[in-house]
Amino acid sequence: MRKQMLILRTLLVGCVWTCTAMLNAQSLRFHPDGTFKIVQFTDTHYKVGVAASDTMIDCVNKVLDAEKPDLVIFTGDVIYNAPAEEGLRTVLAQVSRRKIPFAVVFGNHDDEQGLSRPQLYDIVRTVPGNLLPSRGEASSPDYTLTIHASTNAKKDAATLYCMDSNAYSQVKGVGGYDWFHGNQVAWFRRQAAAVKAANQGDTIPALAFFHIPLPEYREATASPNAILRGTRMEKACSPELNSGMFVAMKEAGDVMATFVGHDHDNDYAVMWYDILLAYGRYTGGNTVYNHLPNGARVIRLNEGTRTFTTWLHLRNGQIVDKYAYPDDFQKKNSPNQ
């Protein structure tokens, strides 16, 4: 009965939002002042019937009320127990009822709750406000979103790559987490080339969102020359093998930054070859594995430039670690140099 009520409620909301999910993908647009705000929620780890998840719901609502974003992106591990559909719908409803467009990429735990990734994807597609393309399209499970110019609804001004970083290694003899597969790296290269071609050969600014950090997160933190800001309380839990997604991004030249989750005790951002490798702030309720108060990352893009400002908005309302890309991640020459 509870599942039936959830489905009925979603259908009723959908009547109000007729065709909105299909139109929203074309409605992302910079404001007249040249800004566009994204809130990243990561590792909400929602558990149906568990009190700790009420803290997460409270956090999500407080951040949304205060920041009023133009877009919300969930970067994986949205749910953490069964029933998966009820949990997923509960989390997404916090955004949907505010009529805020949203996107979702999955983490390594989402499909451990009784439903597969394709099944979860199809559920998200029924929630009003989602920007996910049809799963039958070639872009699934990786897809792009376009933010249009403030003065021209048909002009591309920024690209958002939303990608599935998979779960656990499927290669015998290689443990740990999975990596972006070869076809995904090839997909990214095609998308980046297509965007450039559609914009008369110009490279427009881009961001990438996924769950598991790239191996370059580890490399960057080990370098004495990389500028790191924020909190690092654990080693990046990256794949053991490197499949080349960072190289593809660097060669394409459009991605300014990547935003991930996965590691609950990291919220830092570190510059690596002019691409900012950043974490969100853990959003879920307290567990045995998080020592940082829950919150969210906010990203405010600036139209027409390869710049943005980012900060962490905590559940208690505190704003911390506010930085500007790229200025705050570049070494400043001393007067004597």
Protein backbone atom coordinates (compact mmCIF):
# COMPACT_ATOMS: atom_id res chain seq x y z
CA MET A 1 0.00 0.00 0.00
CA ARG A 2 2.79 2.43 0.87
CA LYS A 3 4.44 1.82 -2.51
CA GLN A 4 1.12 2.40 -4.29
CA MET A 5 0.60 5.68 -2.45
CA LEU A 6 4.08 6.86 -3.46
CA ILE A 7 3.39 6.08 -7.11
CA LEU A 8 -0.01 7.80 -6.96
CA ARG A 9 1.49 10.89 -5.35
CA THR A 10 4.16 11.10 -8.06
CA LEU A 11 1.53 10.78 -10.80
CA LEU A 12 -0.54 13.55 -9.26
CA VAL A 13 2.44 15.87 -9.09
CA GLY A 14 3.27 14.91 -12.64
CA CYS A 15 -0.16 16.14 -13.76
CA VAL A 16 0.77 19.60 -12.52
CA TRP A 17 4.18 19.39 -14.16
CA THR A 18 2.93 18.14 -17.53
CA CYS A 19 5.88 17.60 -19.87
CA THR A 20 8.12 19.66 -17.57
CA ALA A 21 10.72 16.92 -17.23
CA MET A 22 11.23 16.92 -20.99
CA LEU A 23 11.33 20.73 -21.23
CA ASN A 24 13.64 21.40 -18.31
CA ALA A 25 16.67 20.16 -20.22
CA GLN A 26 16.25 23.15 -22.51
CA SER A 27 15.38 25.63 -19.75
CA LEU A 28 18.72 25.80 -17.94
CA ARG A 29 19.88 29.34 -18.51
CA PHE A 30 22.19 31.90 -16.97
CA HIS A 31 20.51 34.75 -15.15
CA PRO A 32 20.69 38.29 -16.56
CA ASP A 33 23.50 39.00 -14.07
CA GLY A 34 25.53 36.19 -15.68
CA THR A 35 25.33 33.68 -12.82
CA PHE A 36 24.00 30.13 -12.51
CA LYS A 37 23.93 28.27 -9.19
CA ILE A 38 24.27 24.51 -8.70
CA VAL A 39 23.88 22.63 -5.41
CA GLN A 40 25.63 19.27 -5.18
CA PHE A 41 24.24 16.78 -2.67
CA THR A 42 26.33 13.66 -2.28
CA ASP A 43 26.06 10.43 -0.30
CA THR A 44 22.66 11.19 1.16
CA HIS A 45 22.63 7.50 2.19
CA TYR A 46 18.90 7.58 2.82
CA LYS A 47 17.54 4.72 4.91
CA VAL A 48 13.79 4.26 5.04
CA GLY A 49 12.61 4.25 8.65
CA VAL A 50 15.96 5.24 10.16
CA ALA A 51 16.07 8.38 12.28
CA ALA A 52 19.55 9.38 11.14
CA SER A 53 18.12 9.99 7.69
CA ASP A 54 15.76 12.63 9.09
CA THR A 55 18.90 14.68 9.71
CA MET A 56 19.79 14.35 6.04
CA ILE A 57 16.31 15.42 4.91
CA ASP A 58 16.53 18.42 7.22
CA CYS A 59 19.93 19.31 5.76
CA VAL A 60 18.69 19.10 2.18
CA ASN A 61 15.70 21.32 2.91
CA LYS A 62 17.71 23.93 4.80
CA VAL A 63 20.27 24.20 2.02
CA LEU A 64 17.61 24.45 -0.68
CA ASP A 65 15.68 27.09 1.24
CA ALA A 66 18.78 29.19 1.77
CA GLU A 67 20.55 28.81 -1.57
CA LYS A 68 17.61 28.62 -3.99
CA PRO A 69 19.69 26.92 -6.70
CA ASP A 70 18.97 26.80 -10.40
CA LEU A 71 19.93 23.11 -10.51
CA VAL A 72 20.54 20.27 -8.06
CA ILE A 73 22.85 17.36 -8.83
CA PHE A 74 22.97 14.21 -6.68
CA THR A 75 26.36 12.53 -7.04
CA GLY A 76 25.62 9.00 -5.93
CA ASP A 77 24.85 6.78 -2.96
CA VAL A 78 21.43 8.38 -2.73
CA ILE A 79 19.91 5.37 -0.92
CA TYR A 80 21.33 2.89 1.52
CA ASN A 81 18.58 0.37 2.32
CA ALA A 82 15.43 -1.19 0.92
CA PRO A 83 12.77 -0.45 -0.22
CA ALA A 84 14.87 1.28 -2.85
CA GLU A 85 12.04 2.97 -4.73
CA GLU A 86 10.51 4.52 -1.64
CA GLY A 87 13.87 5.80 -0.47
CA LEU A 88 14.79 7.25 -3.86
CA ARG A 89 11.44 8.98 -4.29
CA THR A 90 11.60 10.41 -0.77
CA VAL A 91 14.97 12.06 -1.38
CA LEU A 92 14.11 13.41 -4.82
CA ALA A 93 10.76 14.75 -3.61
CA GLN A 94 12.56 17.36 -1.51
CA VAL A 95 13.79 18.96 -4.74
CA SER A 96 10.90 18.11 -7.03
CA ARG A 97 8.25 19.76 -4.87
CA ARG A 98 10.16 23.03 -5.14
CA LYS A 99 10.11 22.73 -8.93
CA ILE A 100 13.93 22.85 -9.07
CA PRO A 101 15.44 20.94 -12.02
CA PHE A 102 17.69 18.10 -10.91
CA ALA A 103 20.03 15.39 -12.18
CA VAL A 104 21.23 12.15 -10.62
CA VAL A 105 24.29 9.95 -11.10
CA PHE A 106 24.61 6.73 -9.14
CA GLY A 107 27.21 5.51 -6.66
CA ASN A 108 28.42 2.07 -5.68
CA HIS A 109 25.68 1.51 -3.09
CA ASP A 110 22.55 2.59 -4.96
CA ASP A 111 21.99 -0.69 -6.80
CA GLU A 112 22.63 -2.84 -3.70
CA GLN A 113 19.12 -2.24 -2.34
CA GLY A 114 17.13 -4.64 -4.52
CA LEU A 115 16.87 -2.66 -7.76
CA SER A 116 19.33 -2.45 -10.64
CA ARG A 117 20.83 0.76 -12.01
CA PRO A 118 18.52 0.70 -15.07
CA GLN A 119 15.50 0.24 -12.79
CA LEU A 120 16.58 3.13 -10.57
CA TYR A 121 17.24 5.28 -13.62
CA ASP A 122 13.71 4.63 -14.88
CA ILE A 123 12.26 5.59 -11.49
CA VAL A 124 14.16 8.89 -11.49
CA ARG A 125 12.78 9.57 -14.96
CA THR A 126 9.22 9.54 -13.53
CA VAL A 127 9.94 12.24 -10.92
CA PRO A 128 8.90 15.73 -12.07
CA GLY A 129 11.85 18.03 -12.70
CA ASN A 130 14.38 15.36 -13.62
CA LEU A 131 16.71 16.12 -16.53
CA LEU A 132 17.76 12.55 -17.35
CA PRO A 133 17.42 11.58 -21.02
CA SER A 134 15.53 8.49 -22.05
CA ARG A 135 17.50 5.39 -21.08
CA GLY A 136 17.12 4.14 -24.62
CA GLU A 137 19.24 6.99 -25.95
CA ALA A 138 22.92 6.45 -26.70
CA SER A 139 23.86 8.99 -24.04
CA SER A 140 22.64 6.81 -21.16
CA PRO A 141 23.97 6.20 -18.52
CA ASP A 142 26.25 9.16 -19.18
CA TYR A 143 24.63 12.36 -20.37
CA THR A 144 25.23 16.06 -20.80
CA LEU A 145 23.21 19.09 -19.74
CA THR A 146 23.53 22.46 -21.44
CA ILE A 147 23.23 25.84 -19.75
CA HIS A 148 22.19 28.47 -22.26
CA ALA A 149 23.26 32.08 -22.48
CA SER A 150 21.37 34.75 -20.56
CA THR A 151 20.66 36.76 -23.69
CA ASN A 152 20.08 33.92 -26.14
CA ALA A 153 18.13 30.81 -25.21
CA LYS A 154 19.59 28.96 -28.20
CA LYS A 155 23.25 29.71 -27.47
CA ASP A 156 25.31 27.21 -25.45
CA ALA A 157 27.15 28.85 -22.56
CA ALA A 158 28.27 25.90 -20.41
CA THR A 159 28.22 22.10 -20.45
CA LEU A 160 27.66 19.73 -17.52
CA TYR A 161 28.86 16.13 -17.92
CA CYS A 162 26.93 13.74 -15.66
CA MET A 163 28.62 10.34 -15.64
CA ASP A 164 28.31 6.93 -14.01
CA SER A 165 31.61 6.00 -12.35
CA ASN A 166 30.33 2.43 -11.85
CA ALA A 167 30.84 0.43 -8.64
CA TYR A 168 33.40 -2.35 -8.06
CA SER A 169 36.15 -3.80 -10.21
CA GLN A 170 34.96 -6.60 -12.47
CA VAL A 171 38.46 -7.62 -13.54
CA LYS A 172 39.90 -10.74 -11.95
CA GLY A 173 42.91 -10.00 -9.82
CA VAL A 174 42.10 -6.28 -9.49
CA GLY A 175 40.29 -5.32 -6.31
CA GLY A 176 38.65 -2.12 -5.18
CA TYR A 177 36.44 0.21 -7.15
CA ASP A 178 35.61 0.21 -10.83
CA TRP A 179 36.79 2.84 -13.29
CA PHE A 180 35.35 4.62 -16.29
CA HIS A 181 35.22 2.04 -19.05
CA GLY A 182 36.77 2.55 -22.45
CA ASN A 183 33.43 3.18 -24.13
CA GLN A 184 32.69 5.91 -21.57
CA VAL A 185 35.99 7.67 -22.23
CA ALA A 186 35.23 7.45 -25.95
CA TRP A 187 31.73 8.83 -25.28
CA PHE A 188 33.20 11.80 -23.43
CA ARG A 189 35.58 12.55 -26.29
CA ARG A 190 32.72 12.44 -28.80
CA GLN A 191 30.53 14.68 -26.67
CA ALA A 192 33.27 17.25 -26.12
CA ALA A 193 34.02 17.30 -29.86
CA ALA A 194 30.33 17.63 -30.72
CA VAL A 195 29.85 20.56 -28.35
CA LYS A 196 32.89 22.30 -29.81
CA ALA A 197 31.68 21.74 -33.37
CA ALA A 198 28.21 23.04 -32.49
CA ASN A 199 29.79 26.23 -31.18
CA GLN A 200 31.83 27.13 -34.28
CA GLY A 201 34.98 25.50 -32.93
CA ASP A 202 34.88 27.35 -29.62
CA THR A 203 35.48 25.45 -26.38
CA ILE A 204 32.83 26.44 -23.84
CA PRO A 205 33.33 26.00 -20.08
CA ALA A 206 32.30 22.64 -18.59
CA LEU A 207 32.01 20.82 -15.27
CA ALA A 208 31.83 17.06 -14.65
CA PHE A 209 29.86 15.27 -11.92
CA PHE A 210 30.25 11.63 -10.85
CA HIS A 211 30.63 9.57 -7.67
CA ILE A 212 34.02 7.84 -7.36
CA PRO A 213 37.10 10.07 -7.52
CA LEU A 214 39.59 9.63 -10.35
CA PRO A 215 43.07 8.24 -9.57
CA GLU A 216 44.36 11.79 -10.19
CA TYR A 217 42.79 12.83 -6.89
CA ARG A 218 45.42 10.68 -5.18
CA GLU A 219 48.21 11.91 -7.44
CA ALA A 220 47.34 15.55 -6.81
CA THR A 221 47.28 15.22 -3.02
CA ALA A 222 50.68 13.55 -3.11
CA SER A 223 52.24 16.42 -5.03
CA PRO A 224 53.95 19.25 -3.12
CA ASN A 225 53.13 21.59 -5.98
CA ALA A 226 49.36 21.11 -6.03
CA ILE A 227 47.26 23.68 -4.14
CA LEU A 228 44.68 21.98 -1.93
CA ARG A 229 41.94 23.78 -0.02
CA GLY A 230 39.42 22.23 2.33
CA THR A 231 39.46 19.14 4.51
CA ARG A 232 41.29 15.90 3.71
CA MET A 233 40.85 13.23 6.38
CA GLU A 234 41.31 10.10 4.28
CA LYS A 235 43.07 8.82 1.21
CA ALA A 236 40.99 9.14 -1.95
CA CYS A 237 39.19 5.83 -2.54
CA SER A 238 39.89 5.80 -6.28
CA PRO A 239 40.11 2.86 -8.68
CA GLU A 240 43.37 0.95 -8.66
CA LEU A 241 43.65 1.29 -12.44
CA ASN A 242 43.56 4.45 -14.51
CA SER A 243 41.47 4.29 -17.67
CA GLY A 244 42.32 7.77 -18.94
CA MET A 245 39.26 9.92 -18.27
CA PHE A 246 41.35 12.76 -16.83
CA VAL A 247 43.61 12.74 -19.88
CA ALA A 248 40.54 12.89 -22.12
CA MET A 249 39.26 15.90 -20.18
CA LYS A 250 42.59 17.66 -20.32
CA GLU A 251 42.91 17.10 -24.05
CA ALA A 252 39.36 18.25 -24.71
CA GLY A 253 40.13 21.47 -22.86
CA ASP A 254 36.59 22.25 -21.71
CA VAL A 255 36.32 20.78 -18.20
CA MET A 256 37.23 23.27 -15.48
CA ALA A 257 36.45 20.99 -12.54
CA THR A 258 35.15 17.59 -11.47
CA PHE A 259 32.86 17.11 -8.45
CA VAL A 260 32.56 13.75 -6.70
CA GLY A 261 31.49 12.19 -3.40
CA HIS A 262 32.20 8.69 -2.09
CA ASP A 263 34.75 9.67 0.59
CA HIS A 264 32.74 10.97 3.55
CA ASP A 265 35.68 12.58 5.31
CA ASN A 266 36.95 14.60 2.37
CA ASP A 267 35.54 17.86 1.12
CA TYR A 268 38.67 19.37 -0.40
CA ALA A 269 39.40 20.78 -3.83
CA VAL A 270 42.84 20.47 -5.38
CA MET A 271 44.16 21.91 -8.65
CA TRP A 272 45.78 19.40 -10.99
CA TYR A 273 46.99 20.55 -14.41
CA ASP A 274 44.46 23.42 -14.33
CA ILE A 275 41.50 21.12 -13.63
CA LEU A 276 40.06 21.43 -10.14
CA LEU A 277 39.45 18.03 -8.53
CA ALA A 278 36.78 18.64 -5.90
CA TYR A 279 34.60 16.78 -3.44
CA GLY A 280 31.15 17.70 -2.27
CA ARG A 281 30.37 17.75 1.44
CA TYR A 282 28.83 14.55 2.81
CA THR A 283 25.07 15.15 3.04
CA GLY A 284 23.84 12.03 4.83
CA GLY A 285 22.99 11.52 8.47
CA ASN A 286 25.63 10.52 11.00
CA THR A 287 27.19 7.09 10.57
CA VAL A 288 30.29 5.37 11.90
CA TYR A 289 32.03 6.75 8.83
CA ASN A 290 31.77 10.52 8.77
CA HIS A 291 33.49 13.00 11.03
CA LEU A 292 32.37 16.16 9.24
CA PRO A 293 28.99 17.85 9.84
CA ASN A 294 26.67 17.23 6.92
CA GLY A 295 26.06 19.81 4.24
CA ALA A 296 26.37 20.46 0.51
CA ARG A 297 28.64 22.04 -2.05
CA VAL A 298 27.45 25.10 -3.93
CA ILE A 299 28.89 26.15 -7.31
CA ARG A 300 28.13 29.53 -8.85
CA LEU A 301 29.15 29.71 -12.49
CA ASN A 302 29.98 32.95 -14.27
CA GLU A 303 28.79 33.32 -17.83
CA GLY A 304 31.32 33.94 -20.56
CA THR A 305 34.42 33.14 -18.49
CA ARG A 306 36.23 30.05 -17.27
CA THR A 307 35.59 31.04 -13.66
CA PHE A 308 33.30 30.01 -10.83
CA THR A 309 32.97 30.42 -7.08
CA THR A 310 32.31 27.47 -4.80
CA TRP A 311 31.58 27.05 -1.11
CA LEU A 312 30.21 24.57 1.42
CA HIS A 313 26.83 25.21 3.00
CA LEU A 314 26.43 23.25 6.23
CA ARG A 315 23.20 22.10 7.81
CA ASN A 316 23.63 24.60 10.64
CA GLY A 317 23.67 27.44 8.11
CA GLN A 318 27.41 28.04 8.26
CA ILE A 319 29.17 28.91 5.00
CA VAL A 320 32.77 27.64 4.87
CA ASP A 321 35.62 27.21 2.40
CA LYS A 322 34.51 29.77 -0.15
CA TYR A 323 36.96 29.88 -3.06
CA ALA A 324 37.19 31.26 -6.58
CA TYR A 325 38.43 29.18 -9.52
CA PRO A 326 41.07 29.53 -10.79
CA ASP A 327 42.50 32.42 -8.75
CA ASP A 328 42.48 30.77 -5.32
CA PHE A 329 44.22 27.66 -6.68
CA GLN A 330 47.14 29.34 -8.40
CA LYS A 331 50.52 30.08 -6.92
CA LYS A 332 51.11 33.79 -6.48
CA ASN A 333 54.52 35.17 -7.35
CA SER A 334 56.23 37.00 -4.53
CA PRO A 335 57.27 40.65 -5.06
CA ASN A 336 60.91 39.53 -5.19
CA GLN A 337 60.41 37.10 -8.06
